[in-house]
Amino acid sequence: MNKTQMLDVRELIDSRPLGGYQKWIIFLGFLIIALDGFDVAIMGFIAPQLKMDWGLSPQALGPVLSAALIGLAVGALVAGPLADRYGRKIVLVCSVFFFGLWTLATAFSTDVSMLVALRFLTGLGLGAAMPNASTLVSEYAPERSRSFLITVAFCGFSLGAAGGGFLSAWMIPNLGWHSVLVLGGVLPLIVAPILLFKLPESVRFLVAKNAPAERVWSIIERLAPGSTNANTTFMLPEAPAVNRSPAQIVLSPRYRFGTLMLWTGYFLSLFLVYLFSSWLPTLVKEGGGYSVADAAIVTSMFQIGGPVGALSVGWAMDRWSRYRVIMLTFLLGGAVIFAIGHVTHEFVLLCAVAWAVGFCLNGSSVGMNALAACFYPTEARATGASWMSGVGRFGAILSAFAGAQMMTLGWSFEQIFAALVIPAGLAALAIYTQGRQHARRSQLQALQVSAL
């Protein structure tokens, strides 16, 4: 008679080498985030041409660029609790389908009001996709390399946005700005059915929700063939949060301060990332006197710096203090932001510094997603990561109007980028403060354990 076997799912994942099934999940997460990055950045690339074709002022461009960001915030805030209740997979499949559908519809906009409305609907799907993709990746990643693997998936965002820049540089002059939106809509609609049939649910989520053993078994056997039998039961070492919703866990005394610091840091981080993504093409074109194609290339260099920065930050976070790595990256980002305002007239140098800005800003923002995924327990991880993402989107929304206001006030190229050093420094301060609090709590817990 076989005895019941108790299998700790987290320990199983942490103790084994990264397998082919986990790499497939990471690739799908990468693909989702790449499509998200392409669609999020798409309006920034077409904005200069749209401004000329429709005769729009910088103030009129503000709502066009921010509409999707408002949708992103709402989508992220709503999708996190839904993913913690119903599962990561269903939220991801629906989000990819809907942001593809509405992006395709946006290509046929006839006026600014219609464009703004459709971009808001697109943003609802975009906001749900990225934080839940990172949550799913984190729940299949071993602890020793979790930060790095999350940043690998998040490289998709920068590569998707950079690919959009290079494609836009060719497509807009030859096919018009509508063609970029058509491509941005069709690709997610192709990928959504693949996700429906090939993307697994989070095995940690299934165990935490006491899903039928057969569902967990089928995934575990693909992760680690032969590690289970008919009498295997599955568990997680995390203590269950009895009668507590994911929102209550995220805002509980144990997590509240860290949550607020994550929100502050991510708000400022996305303010900078989206200001560069949305306004850098226009700033380079009008402030530097370059063509639309040259402006798109400079912005693409900013996006290309992101994957290298993300991988470097993720690798470092798995080896040293996560908080210290992100704090130092923000500080370095402030320095290169200041520098970009002083290299306007040298195109090659401008591209190089833009790459360095992308390295720091995208690296630190992606690192914060890895930090959030490691900070919260399974039953509240999607809510914690998505709420951080949702709050951060308000920084992205503000960036659209801030860029328009700085241009309206007639600030010089140098003045704009000197001012942007401030949010980088404040983001570094928020992460430093959270790291200090985390270190004190760890020391207290160690003392309590030693006293026992």
Protein backbone atom coordinates (compact mmCIF):
# COMPACT_ATOMS: atom_id res chain seq x y z
CA MET A 1 0.00 0.00 0.00
CA ASN A 2 1.50 3.33 -1.07
CA LYS A 3 1.79 6.05 1.55
CA THR A 4 0.64 9.58 0.89
CA GLN A 5 3.47 11.72 -0.46
CA MET A 6 3.48 15.40 0.50
CA LEU A 7 5.20 17.50 -2.18
CA ASP A 8 6.30 21.08 -1.54
CA VAL A 9 5.82 22.74 -4.94
CA ARG A 10 8.04 25.72 -4.18
CA GLU A 11 10.88 23.51 -2.98
CA LEU A 12 10.51 21.34 -6.09
CA ILE A 13 10.88 24.36 -8.38
CA ASP A 14 13.75 25.83 -6.36
CA SER A 15 15.73 22.58 -6.16
CA ARG A 16 15.73 21.63 -9.84
CA PRO A 17 17.60 23.09 -12.84
CA LEU A 18 15.53 25.29 -15.10
CA GLY A 19 13.74 22.91 -17.47
CA GLY A 20 12.38 23.18 -20.99
CA TYR A 21 8.79 23.60 -19.82
CA GLN A 22 9.75 26.57 -17.63
CA LYS A 23 11.70 28.11 -20.51
CA TRP A 24 8.59 27.78 -22.70
CA ILE A 25 6.53 29.65 -20.08
CA ILE A 26 9.18 32.36 -19.83
CA PHE A 27 9.17 32.68 -23.63
CA LEU A 28 5.39 33.11 -23.69
CA GLY A 29 5.67 35.74 -20.95
CA PHE A 30 8.36 37.45 -23.02
CA LEU A 31 6.09 37.36 -26.08
CA ILE A 32 3.12 38.86 -24.20
CA ILE A 33 5.26 41.67 -22.82
CA ALA A 34 6.84 42.32 -26.24
CA LEU A 35 3.40 42.80 -27.78
CA ASP A 36 2.49 45.03 -24.84
CA GLY A 37 5.62 47.13 -25.38
CA PHE A 38 4.95 47.50 -29.10
CA ASP A 39 1.39 48.69 -28.50
CA VAL A 40 2.22 50.99 -25.58
CA ALA A 41 4.96 52.81 -27.51
CA ILE A 42 3.08 52.93 -30.79
CA MET A 43 1.50 56.37 -30.31
CA GLY A 44 4.83 57.95 -29.47
CA PHE A 45 6.24 56.83 -32.80
CA ILE A 46 3.32 58.03 -34.88
CA ALA A 47 2.73 61.24 -32.87
CA PRO A 48 5.00 63.52 -34.98
CA GLN A 49 3.34 62.41 -38.23
CA LEU A 50 -0.15 62.51 -36.67
CA LYS A 51 0.57 66.03 -35.42
CA MET A 52 1.42 67.15 -38.95
CA ASP A 53 -1.38 65.28 -40.76
CA TRP A 54 -4.16 66.41 -38.43
CA GLY A 55 -2.65 69.81 -37.50
CA LEU A 56 -2.62 69.03 -33.77
CA SER A 57 -1.04 71.23 -31.10
CA PRO A 58 1.14 69.80 -28.32
CA GLN A 59 -1.81 70.23 -25.93
CA ALA A 60 -4.07 68.22 -28.25
CA LEU A 61 -1.47 65.44 -28.37
CA GLY A 62 -1.55 65.11 -24.57
CA PRO A 63 -4.93 63.27 -24.38
CA VAL A 64 -3.98 61.09 -27.37
CA LEU A 65 -0.80 59.93 -25.66
CA SER A 66 -2.34 59.60 -22.20
CA ALA A 67 -5.63 57.84 -23.06
CA ALA A 68 -4.05 54.39 -23.22
CA LEU A 69 -2.13 55.13 -20.03
CA ILE A 70 -5.37 55.85 -18.15
CA GLY A 71 -6.70 52.55 -19.45
CA LEU A 72 -3.46 50.87 -18.39
CA ALA A 73 -3.91 52.11 -14.83
CA VAL A 74 -7.52 50.96 -14.62
CA GLY A 75 -6.74 47.63 -16.27
CA ALA A 76 -3.87 46.89 -13.89
CA LEU A 77 -5.82 47.84 -10.76
CA VAL A 78 -8.77 45.64 -11.73
CA ALA A 79 -6.88 42.71 -13.25
CA GLY A 80 -4.68 41.93 -10.24
CA PRO A 81 -7.51 40.89 -7.88
CA LEU A 82 -9.19 39.03 -10.76
CA ALA A 83 -5.99 37.05 -11.42
CA ASP A 84 -5.66 36.20 -7.73
CA ARG A 85 -9.25 34.95 -7.73
CA TYR A 86 -9.74 33.28 -11.12
CA GLY A 87 -6.17 32.60 -12.28
CA ARG A 88 -3.37 34.24 -14.22
CA LYS A 89 -4.03 32.46 -17.52
CA ILE A 90 -7.60 33.58 -18.20
CA VAL A 91 -6.72 37.20 -17.44
CA LEU A 92 -3.70 37.05 -19.77
CA VAL A 93 -5.57 35.47 -22.70
CA CYS A 94 -8.43 37.97 -22.48
CA SER A 95 -6.10 40.96 -22.11
CA VAL A 96 -4.01 40.06 -25.18
CA PHE A 97 -7.12 39.49 -27.28
CA PHE A 98 -8.73 42.78 -26.31
CA PHE A 99 -5.72 45.05 -26.69
CA GLY A 100 -5.15 43.53 -30.14
CA LEU A 101 -8.78 44.08 -31.13
CA TRP A 102 -8.89 47.71 -30.03
CA THR A 103 -5.49 48.57 -31.53
CA LEU A 104 -6.71 47.29 -34.87
CA ALA A 105 -9.86 49.39 -34.52
CA THR A 106 -7.74 52.46 -33.68
CA ALA A 107 -6.18 52.32 -37.16
CA PHE A 108 -9.54 53.39 -38.57
CA SER A 109 -10.03 56.42 -36.30
CA THR A 110 -11.47 59.46 -38.06
CA ASP A 111 -10.97 62.15 -35.40
CA VAL A 112 -9.19 62.84 -32.12
CA SER A 113 -12.18 61.91 -29.92
CA MET A 114 -12.49 58.49 -31.51
CA LEU A 115 -8.74 57.97 -31.28
CA VAL A 116 -8.72 58.83 -27.57
CA ALA A 117 -11.66 56.52 -26.79
CA LEU A 118 -10.16 53.54 -28.62
CA ARG A 119 -6.75 54.05 -27.03
CA PHE A 120 -8.40 54.01 -23.59
CA LEU A 121 -10.04 50.66 -24.39
CA THR A 122 -6.71 49.37 -25.68
CA GLY A 123 -5.09 50.42 -22.43
CA LEU A 124 -7.47 48.27 -20.38
CA GLY A 125 -6.03 45.16 -22.00
CA LEU A 126 -2.45 46.41 -21.93
CA GLY A 127 -2.66 47.16 -18.22
CA ALA A 128 -3.82 43.66 -17.39
CA ALA A 129 -1.18 41.88 -19.47
CA MET A 130 2.26 42.90 -18.26
CA PRO A 131 2.01 42.55 -14.43
CA ASN A 132 0.21 39.21 -14.70
CA ALA A 133 2.75 37.90 -17.21
CA SER A 134 5.53 38.75 -14.75
CA THR A 135 3.58 37.14 -11.92
CA LEU A 136 3.19 33.91 -13.89
CA VAL A 137 6.89 33.85 -14.80
CA SER A 138 7.90 34.48 -11.18
CA GLU A 139 5.80 31.54 -9.98
CA TYR A 140 7.62 29.12 -12.28
CA ALA A 141 11.09 30.57 -11.62
CA PRO A 142 13.48 29.11 -8.99
CA GLU A 143 14.36 31.51 -6.18
CA ARG A 144 18.08 31.61 -7.08
CA SER A 145 17.39 33.17 -10.49
CA ARG A 146 13.91 34.65 -10.14
CA SER A 147 14.87 38.30 -10.56
CA PHE A 148 16.96 37.55 -13.64
CA LEU A 149 14.23 35.44 -15.29
CA ILE A 150 11.60 38.10 -14.66
CA THR A 151 13.86 40.67 -16.28
CA VAL A 152 14.42 38.29 -19.21
CA ALA A 153 10.65 38.27 -19.78
CA PHE A 154 10.49 42.05 -19.36
CA CYS A 155 13.13 42.53 -22.03
CA GLY A 156 10.25 41.85 -24.37
CA PHE A 157 8.82 45.28 -23.56
CA SER A 158 11.88 47.20 -24.66
CA LEU A 159 12.48 44.98 -27.69
CA GLY A 160 8.85 45.28 -28.72
CA ALA A 161 8.98 49.05 -28.38
CA ALA A 162 12.34 49.25 -30.18
CA GLY A 163 11.06 47.04 -32.98
CA GLY A 164 8.10 49.39 -33.27
CA GLY A 165 10.50 52.29 -33.67
CA PHE A 166 12.50 50.70 -36.46
CA LEU A 167 9.35 49.49 -38.22
CA SER A 168 7.77 52.93 -37.84
CA ALA A 169 10.83 54.60 -39.37
CA TRP A 170 10.12 52.60 -42.56
CA MET A 171 6.34 52.10 -42.45
CA ILE A 172 5.22 55.68 -41.73
CA PRO A 173 6.94 57.30 -44.75
CA ASN A 174 5.98 54.42 -47.07
CA LEU A 175 2.62 53.13 -45.80
CA GLY A 176 1.32 55.84 -43.49
CA TRP A 177 0.85 55.89 -39.72
CA HIS A 178 -2.32 53.76 -39.93
CA SER A 179 -0.25 50.75 -41.02
CA VAL A 180 1.67 50.68 -37.73
CA LEU A 181 -1.60 50.41 -35.80
CA VAL A 182 -2.84 47.61 -38.07
CA LEU A 183 0.31 45.60 -37.39
CA GLY A 184 0.05 46.32 -33.66
CA GLY A 185 -3.49 44.92 -33.66
CA VAL A 186 -3.06 41.86 -35.83
CA LEU A 187 -0.09 40.38 -33.97
CA PRO A 188 -1.86 40.03 -30.57
CA LEU A 189 -4.92 38.53 -32.26
CA ILE A 190 -2.66 35.81 -33.71
CA VAL A 191 -0.96 35.15 -30.36
CA ALA A 192 -4.10 34.99 -28.17
CA PRO A 193 -5.22 31.52 -29.42
CA ILE A 194 -1.69 30.18 -28.89
CA LEU A 195 -1.85 31.32 -25.27
CA LEU A 196 -5.27 29.75 -24.81
CA PHE A 197 -4.01 26.29 -25.76
CA LYS A 198 -0.33 26.36 -24.80
CA LEU A 199 0.01 28.58 -21.71
CA PRO A 200 -0.40 26.72 -18.37
CA GLU A 201 -1.97 28.13 -15.25
CA SER A 202 0.38 28.97 -12.38
CA VAL A 203 0.98 25.76 -10.45
CA ARG A 204 1.53 27.75 -7.26
CA PHE A 205 -1.82 29.47 -7.75
CA LEU A 206 -3.53 26.10 -8.25
CA VAL A 207 -2.03 24.70 -5.05
CA ALA A 208 -2.86 27.85 -3.07
CA LYS A 209 -6.47 27.61 -4.29
CA ASN A 210 -6.73 23.87 -3.52
CA ALA A 211 -7.40 23.01 -7.16
CA PRO A 212 -8.07 19.37 -8.07
CA ALA A 213 -4.91 17.28 -7.73
CA GLU A 214 -5.21 16.13 -11.36
CA ARG A 215 -4.67 19.70 -12.64
CA VAL A 216 -1.61 20.17 -10.46
CA TRP A 217 -0.27 16.71 -11.28
CA SER A 218 -0.42 17.29 -15.05
CA ILE A 219 1.74 20.42 -14.70
CA ILE A 220 4.17 18.96 -12.17
CA GLU A 221 4.79 15.96 -14.42
CA ARG A 222 5.82 18.33 -17.21
CA LEU A 223 8.04 20.28 -14.82
CA ALA A 224 9.61 17.24 -13.16
CA PRO A 225 8.61 13.91 -14.76
CA GLY A 226 8.34 11.04 -12.30
CA SER A 227 8.29 13.19 -9.18
CA THR A 228 4.67 12.33 -8.29
CA ASN A 229 2.39 9.32 -7.96
CA ALA A 230 -1.32 8.64 -7.43
CA ASN A 231 -1.01 9.37 -3.70
CA THR A 232 0.84 12.68 -3.99
CA THR A 233 -0.66 15.73 -2.33
CA PHE A 234 0.68 19.22 -2.98
CA MET A 235 1.48 22.08 -0.65
CA LEU A 236 3.18 25.45 -0.37
CA PRO A 237 5.25 26.49 2.66
CA GLU A 238 3.53 29.88 2.88
CA ALA A 239 0.99 30.17 5.67
CA PRO A 240 -2.52 30.55 4.27
CA ALA A 241 -4.15 33.93 4.77
CA VAL A 242 -7.39 32.84 6.41
CA ASN A 243 -10.36 35.13 5.67
CA ARG A 244 -8.10 37.78 4.15
CA SER A 245 -8.49 39.06 0.63
CA PRO A 246 -5.43 39.80 -1.54
CA ALA A 247 -6.09 43.52 -1.07
CA GLN A 248 -6.06 43.12 2.72
CA ILE A 249 -2.74 41.29 2.55
CA VAL A 250 -1.13 43.95 0.33
CA LEU A 251 -2.26 46.73 2.69
CA SER A 252 -1.65 44.83 5.94
CA PRO A 253 0.88 46.20 8.49
CA ARG A 254 3.44 43.65 7.35
CA TYR A 255 3.40 44.84 3.72
CA ARG A 256 1.97 48.39 3.91
CA PHE A 257 5.20 50.43 4.10
CA GLY A 258 6.89 48.37 1.40
CA THR A 259 3.79 48.70 -0.77
CA LEU A 260 3.80 52.50 -0.45
CA MET A 261 7.50 52.71 -1.30
CA LEU A 262 7.01 50.41 -4.31
CA TRP A 263 4.16 52.61 -5.49
CA THR A 264 6.25 55.78 -5.07
CA GLY A 265 9.29 54.38 -6.83
CA TYR A 266 7.30 52.87 -9.68
CA PHE A 267 5.22 56.04 -10.14
CA LEU A 268 8.39 58.07 -10.63
CA SER A 269 10.05 55.35 -12.70
CA LEU A 270 7.19 55.12 -15.19
CA PHE A 271 6.89 58.91 -15.28
CA LEU A 272 10.42 58.96 -16.70
CA VAL A 273 10.16 55.87 -18.92
CA TYR A 274 6.94 57.00 -20.58
CA LEU A 275 7.99 60.61 -20.93
CA PHE A 276 11.02 59.41 -22.89
CA SER A 277 9.01 56.84 -24.86
CA SER A 278 6.21 59.28 -25.76
CA TRP A 279 7.97 62.61 -26.10
CA LEU A 280 11.55 61.83 -27.07
CA PRO A 281 10.69 61.54 -30.81
CA THR A 282 9.00 64.95 -30.75
CA LEU A 283 11.68 66.55 -28.56
CA VAL A 284 14.48 65.27 -30.81
CA LYS A 285 12.67 66.37 -33.95
CA GLU A 286 11.73 69.86 -32.78
CA GLY A 287 14.44 70.56 -30.20
CA GLY A 288 17.29 68.94 -32.10
CA GLY A 289 16.14 69.71 -35.62
CA TYR A 290 16.19 66.10 -36.82
CA SER A 291 13.82 64.29 -39.21
CA VAL A 292 10.97 62.02 -38.07
CA ALA A 293 13.04 58.96 -39.08
CA ASP A 294 16.10 60.17 -37.11
CA ALA A 295 13.92 60.90 -34.08
CA ALA A 296 12.49 57.38 -34.25
CA ILE A 297 16.02 55.91 -34.39
CA VAL A 298 17.14 57.90 -31.30
CA THR A 299 14.06 56.68 -29.41
CA SER A 300 14.74 53.13 -30.56
CA MET A 301 18.25 53.39 -29.11
CA PHE A 302 16.63 54.39 -25.82
CA GLN A 303 14.46 51.26 -26.03
CA ILE A 304 17.38 49.01 -27.04
CA GLY A 305 19.29 50.04 -23.93
CA GLY A 306 16.41 48.66 -21.87
CA PRO A 307 16.98 44.91 -22.34
CA VAL A 308 20.69 45.18 -21.50
CA GLY A 309 19.86 47.24 -18.43
CA ALA A 310 17.09 44.88 -17.37
CA LEU A 311 19.25 41.77 -17.68
CA SER A 312 22.14 43.45 -15.88
CA VAL A 313 19.92 44.66 -13.05
CA GLY A 314 18.15 41.29 -12.75
CA TRP A 315 21.47 39.42 -12.67
CA ALA A 316 22.79 41.78 -9.99
CA MET A 317 19.59 41.54 -7.91
CA ASP A 318 20.05 37.75 -7.60
CA ARG A 319 23.57 38.26 -6.22
CA TRP A 320 23.47 41.41 -4.07
CA SER A 321 20.88 43.46 -2.24
CA ARG A 322 17.88 43.96 -4.55
CA TYR A 323 17.17 47.36 -3.05
CA ARG A 324 20.71 48.65 -3.35
CA VAL A 325 21.01 47.57 -6.98
CA ILE A 326 17.82 49.39 -7.99
CA MET A 327 18.72 52.50 -5.97
CA LEU A 328 22.13 52.80 -7.64
CA THR A 329 20.60 52.28 -11.08
CA PHE A 330 18.18 55.16 -10.48
CA LEU A 331 21.06 57.41 -9.40
CA LEU A 332 23.08 56.55 -12.51
CA GLY A 333 19.95 57.17 -14.57
CA GLY A 334 19.71 60.70 -13.19
CA ALA A 335 23.27 61.38 -14.28
CA VAL A 336 22.78 60.25 -17.89
CA ILE A 337 19.42 62.05 -18.13
CA PHE A 338 21.28 65.27 -17.33
CA ALA A 339 23.89 64.39 -19.94
CA ILE A 340 21.42 63.84 -22.80
CA GLY A 341 20.42 67.50 -22.69
CA HIS A 342 23.95 68.55 -23.61
CA VAL A 343 24.65 66.34 -26.66
CA THR A 344 21.86 67.53 -28.96
CA HIS A 345 23.99 68.45 -31.94
CA GLU A 346 25.97 65.20 -32.19
CA PHE A 347 23.65 62.53 -33.57
CA VAL A 348 25.88 59.53 -32.80
CA LEU A 349 26.56 60.75 -29.26
CA LEU A 350 22.87 61.50 -28.80
CA CYS A 351 22.05 57.90 -29.76
CA ALA A 352 24.70 56.59 -27.34
CA VAL A 353 23.45 58.63 -24.39
CA ALA A 354 19.85 57.74 -25.22
CA TRP A 355 20.92 54.08 -25.04
CA ALA A 356 22.46 54.71 -21.60
CA VAL A 357 19.27 56.40 -20.38
CA GLY A 358 17.28 53.40 -21.58
CA PHE A 359 19.71 51.08 -19.81
CA CYS A 360 19.13 52.79 -16.47
CA LEU A 361 15.45 53.72 -16.63
CA ASN A 362 14.14 50.52 -18.18
CA GLY A 363 16.55 48.45 -16.10
CA SER A 364 15.36 49.99 -12.83
CA SER A 365 11.66 49.85 -13.73
CA VAL A 366 11.91 46.18 -14.74
CA GLY A 367 13.90 45.50 -11.60
CA MET A 368 11.04 46.92 -9.56
CA ASN A 369 8.67 44.37 -11.10
CA ALA A 370 11.04 41.63 -9.99
CA LEU A 371 11.18 43.23 -6.55
CA ALA A 372 7.37 43.24 -6.27
CA ALA A 373 7.11 39.61 -7.41
CA CYS A 374 9.56 38.60 -4.67
CA PHE A 375 7.92 40.81 -2.02
CA TYR A 376 4.35 39.43 -1.92
CA PRO A 377 3.07 35.90 -1.11
CA THR A 378 1.37 33.70 -3.74
CA GLU A 379 -2.21 34.48 -2.71
CA ALA A 380 -1.63 38.24 -3.15
CA ARG A 381 1.21 38.36 -5.69
CA ALA A 382 -0.88 39.31 -8.73
CA THR A 383 -2.72 41.99 -6.75
CA GLY A 384 0.50 43.44 -5.31
CA ALA A 385 2.32 43.48 -8.65
CA SER A 386 -0.70 44.76 -10.59
CA TRP A 387 -1.52 47.50 -8.11
CA MET A 388 2.07 48.71 -8.20
CA SER A 389 1.78 48.71 -11.98
CA GLY A 390 -1.57 50.52 -11.85
CA VAL A 391 -0.34 53.25 -9.51
CA GLY A 392 2.79 53.58 -11.62
CA ARG A 393 0.65 54.22 -14.68
CA PHE A 394 -0.56 57.45 -13.14
CA GLY A 395 3.05 58.58 -13.33
CA ALA A 396 2.98 57.62 -17.00
CA ILE A 397 -0.25 59.61 -17.47
CA LEU A 398 1.30 62.64 -15.81
CA SER A 399 4.31 62.34 -18.10
CA ALA A 400 2.17 62.90 -21.20
CA PHE A 401 0.90 66.23 -19.86
CA ALA A 402 4.24 67.17 -18.34
CA GLY A 403 5.93 66.79 -21.71
CA ALA A 404 3.29 68.95 -23.39
CA GLN A 405 3.53 71.60 -20.66
CA MET A 406 7.34 71.82 -20.82
CA MET A 407 7.18 72.27 -24.59
CA THR A 408 4.39 74.87 -24.28
CA LEU A 409 6.47 76.85 -21.76
CA GLY A 410 9.28 76.92 -24.30
CA TRP A 411 11.83 75.13 -22.14
CA SER A 412 15.07 74.34 -23.89
CA PHE A 413 16.30 70.79 -24.52
CA GLU A 414 18.83 71.26 -21.68
CA GLN A 415 16.25 72.62 -19.20
CA ILE A 416 13.82 69.76 -19.79
CA PHE A 417 16.36 67.05 -19.09
CA ALA A 418 17.89 68.88 -16.12
CA ALA A 419 14.44 68.95 -14.49
CA LEU A 420 14.01 65.21 -15.06
CA VAL A 421 16.95 64.47 -12.76
CA ILE A 422 14.65 65.22 -9.78
CA PRO A 423 12.22 62.28 -10.17
CA ALA A 424 15.16 59.90 -10.67
CA GLY A 425 16.65 61.01 -7.35
CA LEU A 426 13.32 60.71 -5.52
CA ALA A 427 12.81 57.18 -6.88
CA ALA A 428 16.25 56.20 -5.57
CA LEU A 429 15.31 57.62 -2.16
CA ALA A 430 12.06 55.59 -2.03
CA ILE A 431 13.85 52.31 -2.76
CA TYR A 432 16.62 53.15 -0.30
CA THR A 433 14.01 53.76 2.42
CA GLN A 434 12.23 50.50 1.68
CA GLY A 435 15.53 48.63 1.75
CA ARG A 436 16.40 50.09 5.17
CA GLN A 437 13.01 49.05 6.56
CA HIS A 438 13.38 45.56 5.08
CA ALA A 439 16.87 45.19 6.61
CA ARG A 440 15.61 46.24 10.06
CA ARG A 441 12.74 43.76 9.88
CA SER A 442 15.10 40.96 8.80
CA GLN A 443 17.43 41.72 11.71
CA LEU A 444 14.51 41.70 14.16
CA GLN A 445 13.29 38.35 12.85
CA ALA A 446 16.81 36.93 13.15
CA LEU A 447 17.02 38.07 16.76
CA GLN A 448 13.64 36.51 17.55
CA VAL A 449 14.72 33.21 16.00
CA SER A 450 18.01 33.20 17.92
CA ALA A 451 16.16 33.95 21.16
CA LEU A 452 14.08 30.80 20.65
